[in-house]
Every structure is written in C-alpha cells, then in structure tokens.
C-alpha cells in the first residue's frame, strides 16, 4: 500500500479557530482512548527526563499529560511546546495553564535551540505530515537537540487502520477537519520499516522502532 501524497486540511490555514479547536478536541480524545498517550508514556518509561521538547505540539495534551505524570511521581518536568502555527499555539495556551509548559513558535525542521538543549526531543502525530525529505530534516533536528533520546510516535499505515479511522470519524464527530484528515493521516503515515530508514538517513546512530496498539508506532534512538 503506497503512501498517499495529499495534503490534510490542518496543513494549511484554517479560517475558523473554533473549528480548529474542535478538531484538536477530537485528536485529544483519540490520544486518550486509542493509544496515543500510552505510546508516548511507554517511550519515556526507561527515562527520567527533566526537560522535553515537544515538536508540533498541537493542543499541548501530550505535554500536559507528561508534566502531570511527573508531578504525580514527585518530580518536576519542564516541557517546551513548539509549533509553527500561531493559531495552534493560541489554542494550546488556552487549553493548558500548566506552569511546567512553555510555548514557542518555530519550525521543527529548523528548531531555534542549541545542540543538546533538552533531555528528550519528541514529536507525536507530526511525522506523517512531512514528505520524506522534510521527515529526514525533522528527525535530524530531533536528534541534534536531544541529549538522551529523540522519540517519535505516530500512526502506521495499513488498509485496516484506514478503514477503522474512516468508520470512527463517521460515527463520533461532525468536525469537517477531523472527518477529512483522520483517514488521510493513516494513508500518509509511514510504515515502521520506512520510519527506520528515514531515521538512519537523518543520522540516528542506533534507531529502534516498535509497533503499539491501535495502529501506532514508536521510533527512538539510543
């Protein structure tokens, strides 16, 4: 099954910030119920980071989840949320008053940070928005700014995942962005093997990839 080349509505300017916020509520629900947060948590389990960069942060739900988990364990975690879209950052700030989160506008493929600025540099549901050359640039930057580990979680492409996404959005949301983008996101996603090849091209020294429930995958470098 070849990777689709179409653009998602979220890739371009969305006229209604209310519609965009509703789309992110759908994504947050999917992350809670369909393995997004658990995939990120599993990738962090062997680490005790003090600083994380979240590239393509969306509404900030993943960053806030990790900050809450850290506080519950009795430690402090500072998460820098990076996104190129000012409307997305407006929504993220509105939905998160967490003092351990800070928000920065910038492009993940040219991150405005020094080498090894963070313990972990991660992106979640972001890689599939990039064509291969842009994906390599993003992965190279994640490796550059991460002291310990870059981490990527994303969808993995398959016909079954596409059919499931199409069915779920037809039942559970009326949001135009979600109904268009969710099935297309699966078609634009990389397979685990493709993601591993991109990481090697980006200069990752010892990349690993594993599958996760509900057609997710986790990619990291030791």
Protein backbone atom coordinates (compact mmCIF):
# COMPACT_ATOMS: atom_id res chain seq x y z
CA UNK A 1 0.00 0.00 0.00
CA UNK A 2 1.74 3.16 -1.23
CA UNK A 3 1.92 6.26 0.91
CA UNK A 4 -0.59 8.97 -0.10
CA UNK A 5 0.70 12.38 -1.12
CA UNK A 6 -2.41 14.50 -0.43
CA UNK A 7 -2.45 17.42 1.99
CA UNK A 8 -4.51 17.48 5.15
CA UNK A 9 -6.69 20.49 5.92
CA UNK A 10 -4.66 21.00 9.10
CA UNK A 11 -1.55 21.57 6.95
CA UNK A 12 -3.00 24.86 5.70
CA UNK A 13 -4.53 27.91 7.37
CA UNK A 14 -7.92 27.12 8.89
CA UNK A 15 -10.29 30.08 8.75
CA UNK A 16 -12.23 29.20 11.91
CA UNK A 17 -10.19 28.88 15.09
CA UNK A 18 -13.27 27.37 16.75
CA UNK A 19 -13.38 24.62 14.13
CA UNK A 20 -9.65 24.07 14.63
CA UNK A 21 -10.07 23.79 18.40
CA UNK A 22 -12.88 21.26 17.94
CA UNK A 23 -10.55 19.24 15.70
CA UNK A 24 -7.93 19.20 18.44
CA UNK A 25 -10.53 18.01 20.94
CA UNK A 26 -11.12 15.06 18.63
CA UNK A 27 -7.38 14.39 18.46
CA UNK A 28 -7.12 14.59 22.26
CA UNK A 29 -9.92 12.04 22.58
CA UNK A 30 -8.15 9.75 20.14
CA UNK A 31 -4.90 10.09 22.06
CA UNK A 32 -6.62 9.16 25.33
CA UNK A 33 -8.67 6.25 24.04
CA UNK A 34 -6.70 4.91 21.08
CA UNK A 35 -3.17 4.58 22.32
CA UNK A 36 -1.56 7.94 21.66
CA UNK A 37 -0.73 8.86 25.25
CA UNK A 38 0.14 5.31 26.24
CA UNK A 39 2.59 5.07 23.32
CA UNK A 40 4.37 8.22 24.48
CA UNK A 41 4.37 7.06 28.09
CA UNK A 42 5.93 3.73 27.14
CA UNK A 43 8.69 5.51 25.21
CA UNK A 44 9.54 7.57 28.32
CA UNK A 45 9.34 4.73 30.83
CA UNK A 46 13.06 3.97 30.98
CA UNK A 47 13.94 7.68 31.19
CA UNK A 48 13.63 10.30 33.90
CA UNK A 49 13.87 13.48 31.83
CA UNK A 50 13.84 16.92 33.36
CA UNK A 51 13.36 18.74 30.07
CA UNK A 52 11.43 17.77 26.93
CA UNK A 53 10.90 19.49 23.60
CA UNK A 54 7.52 18.66 22.01
CA UNK A 55 7.71 19.48 18.29
CA UNK A 56 4.39 20.03 16.55
CA UNK A 57 2.72 20.21 19.94
CA UNK A 58 -0.86 20.63 18.73
CA UNK A 59 -3.15 21.44 21.64
CA UNK A 60 -0.47 20.51 24.16
CA UNK A 61 -2.34 17.50 25.52
CA UNK A 62 0.67 15.17 25.34
CA UNK A 63 2.97 17.69 27.01
CA UNK A 64 0.44 18.33 29.78
CA UNK A 65 -0.05 14.59 30.29
CA UNK A 66 3.69 14.04 30.78
CA UNK A 67 4.00 17.03 33.15
CA UNK A 68 1.11 15.69 35.28
CA UNK A 69 2.63 12.21 35.38
CA UNK A 70 5.95 13.64 36.51
CA UNK A 71 4.36 15.66 39.34
CA UNK A 72 2.42 12.59 40.47
CA UNK A 73 5.78 10.79 40.73
CA UNK A 74 7.20 13.63 42.83
CA UNK A 75 9.43 15.24 40.25
CA UNK A 76 9.40 18.32 38.03
CA UNK A 77 9.34 18.15 34.25
CA UNK A 78 9.64 21.21 32.03
CA UNK A 79 8.15 20.81 28.54
CA UNK A 80 8.74 23.28 25.73
CA UNK A 81 5.93 23.12 23.17
CA UNK A 82 6.99 24.11 19.66
CA UNK A 83 4.60 24.72 16.77
CA UNK A 84 4.86 26.76 13.60
CA UNK A 85 1.17 27.72 13.52
CA UNK A 86 0.24 30.71 15.76
CA UNK A 87 -3.42 29.65 15.90
CA UNK A 88 -2.39 26.24 17.20
CA UNK A 89 -0.29 27.86 19.90
CA UNK A 90 -3.22 30.11 20.84
CA UNK A 91 -5.38 27.03 21.34
CA UNK A 92 -2.65 25.20 23.27
CA UNK A 93 -2.18 28.13 25.66
CA UNK A 94 -5.93 28.41 26.14
CA UNK A 95 -6.33 24.72 26.94
CA UNK A 96 -3.27 24.45 29.20
CA UNK A 97 -2.48 26.63 32.17
CA UNK A 98 0.15 24.18 33.35
CA UNK A 99 3.11 26.14 34.79
CA UNK A 100 5.56 23.47 33.58
CA UNK A 101 4.69 24.11 29.93
CA UNK A 102 6.06 26.93 27.81
CA UNK A 103 5.08 27.68 24.23
CA UNK A 104 7.41 28.73 21.41
CA UNK A 105 6.63 29.42 17.77
CA UNK A 106 9.06 27.77 15.39
CA UNK A 107 9.67 25.15 12.73
CA UNK A 108 10.72 21.72 13.95
CA UNK A 109 12.93 21.23 10.89
CA UNK A 110 14.97 24.27 11.97
CA UNK A 111 14.45 24.34 15.72
CA UNK A 112 15.52 27.58 17.44
CA UNK A 113 17.56 25.80 20.11
CA UNK A 114 21.19 24.87 20.66
CA UNK A 115 22.54 21.35 20.33
CA UNK A 116 21.59 19.01 23.20
CA UNK A 117 19.24 21.61 24.73
CA UNK A 118 16.75 19.02 26.03
CA UNK A 119 16.93 15.60 27.62
CA UNK A 120 14.30 14.35 25.17
CA UNK A 121 13.04 15.78 21.89
CA UNK A 122 9.79 14.25 20.74
CA UNK A 123 7.07 14.63 18.16
CA UNK A 124 3.67 12.97 18.21
CA UNK A 125 1.38 12.63 15.18
CA UNK A 126 3.67 15.02 13.33
CA UNK A 127 5.94 12.87 11.17
CA UNK A 128 3.16 11.82 8.79
CA UNK A 129 2.59 15.47 7.86
CA UNK A 130 6.09 15.53 6.30
CA UNK A 131 7.16 14.22 2.92
CA UNK A 132 10.32 12.08 3.11
CA UNK A 133 12.83 14.91 2.71
CA UNK A 134 11.05 17.04 5.32
CA UNK A 135 10.76 14.00 7.61
CA UNK A 136 14.53 13.47 7.44
CA UNK A 137 15.10 17.15 8.28
CA UNK A 138 12.75 16.89 11.27
CA UNK A 139 14.36 13.69 12.55
CA UNK A 140 17.82 15.22 12.17
CA UNK A 141 16.77 18.20 14.31
CA UNK A 142 15.21 15.99 16.97
CA UNK A 143 18.50 14.10 17.24
CA UNK A 144 20.50 17.34 17.34
CA UNK A 145 18.65 18.99 20.22
CA UNK A 146 18.18 15.81 22.32
CA UNK A 147 20.83 14.92 24.89
CA UNK A 148 19.46 11.48 25.70
CA UNK A 149 16.86 10.42 23.18
CA UNK A 150 14.68 11.60 20.30
CA UNK A 151 11.24 9.97 20.37
CA UNK A 152 8.62 9.84 17.63
CA UNK A 153 5.15 8.37 17.98
CA UNK A 154 2.80 8.24 15.05
CA UNK A 155 0.26 6.25 13.13
CA UNK A 156 1.34 3.32 10.97
CA UNK A 157 -0.11 2.89 7.52
CA UNK A 158 -2.35 -0.05 6.67
CA UNK A 159 -5.68 -0.69 4.99
CA UNK A 160 -7.19 -1.86 8.28
CA UNK A 161 -6.10 1.32 10.06
CA UNK A 162 -7.55 3.46 7.27
CA UNK A 163 -10.89 1.60 7.39
CA UNK A 164 -11.03 1.94 11.18
CA UNK A 165 -10.30 5.67 11.08
CA UNK A 166 -12.93 6.26 8.39
CA UNK A 167 -15.54 4.36 10.39
CA UNK A 168 -14.78 6.05 13.71
CA UNK A 169 -14.91 9.61 12.39
CA UNK A 170 -18.17 8.89 10.54
CA UNK A 171 -19.73 7.87 13.86
CA UNK A 172 -18.16 10.05 16.52
CA UNK A 173 -17.56 13.52 15.06
CA UNK A 174 -19.12 16.07 12.78
CA UNK A 175 -15.98 18.20 12.57
CA UNK A 176 -15.05 18.81 8.95
CA UNK A 177 -11.31 18.77 9.61
CA UNK A 178 -11.37 15.53 11.57
CA UNK A 179 -13.58 13.73 9.07
CA UNK A 180 -11.29 14.70 6.20
CA UNK A 181 -7.90 14.45 7.90
CA UNK A 182 -8.13 11.34 10.09
CA UNK A 183 -8.39 8.74 7.30
CA UNK A 184 -5.90 10.68 5.18
CA UNK A 185 -3.46 10.78 8.11
CA UNK A 186 -3.34 6.99 8.06
CA UNK A 187 -2.70 6.95 4.32
CA UNK A 188 0.11 9.49 4.74
CA UNK A 189 1.69 7.66 7.68
CA UNK A 190 4.93 5.75 7.32
CA UNK A 191 5.34 2.06 7.99
CA UNK A 192 7.75 1.08 10.78
CA UNK A 193 10.33 -0.01 8.21
CA UNK A 194 10.05 3.29 6.32
CA UNK A 195 10.37 5.26 9.58
CA UNK A 196 13.52 3.34 10.49
CA UNK A 197 15.04 4.07 7.08
CA UNK A 198 14.25 7.79 7.47
CA UNK A 199 15.90 7.82 10.90
CA UNK A 200 19.06 6.22 9.52
CA UNK A 201 19.15 8.76 6.70
CA UNK A 202 18.80 11.51 9.31
CA UNK A 203 21.93 10.29 11.07
CA UNK A 204 20.41 8.44 14.01
CA UNK A 205 23.10 6.05 15.27
CA UNK A 206 21.08 3.24 16.83
CA UNK A 207 17.40 3.70 15.92
CA UNK A 208 14.69 1.31 17.03
CA UNK A 209 11.03 1.06 16.11
CA UNK A 210 8.21 -0.96 17.61
CA UNK A 211 4.51 -1.19 16.99
CA UNK A 212 1.93 -0.12 19.56
CA UNK A 213 -1.81 -0.81 19.92
CA UNK A 214 -4.38 0.77 17.63
CA UNK A 215 -2.02 1.10 14.67
CA UNK A 216 0.57 3.28 16.35
CA UNK A 217 4.33 3.03 16.32
CA UNK A 218 7.21 4.33 18.47
CA UNK A 219 10.58 5.30 16.99
CA UNK A 220 13.58 6.24 19.13
CA UNK A 221 17.37 6.42 19.11
CA UNK A 222 19.71 5.23 21.86
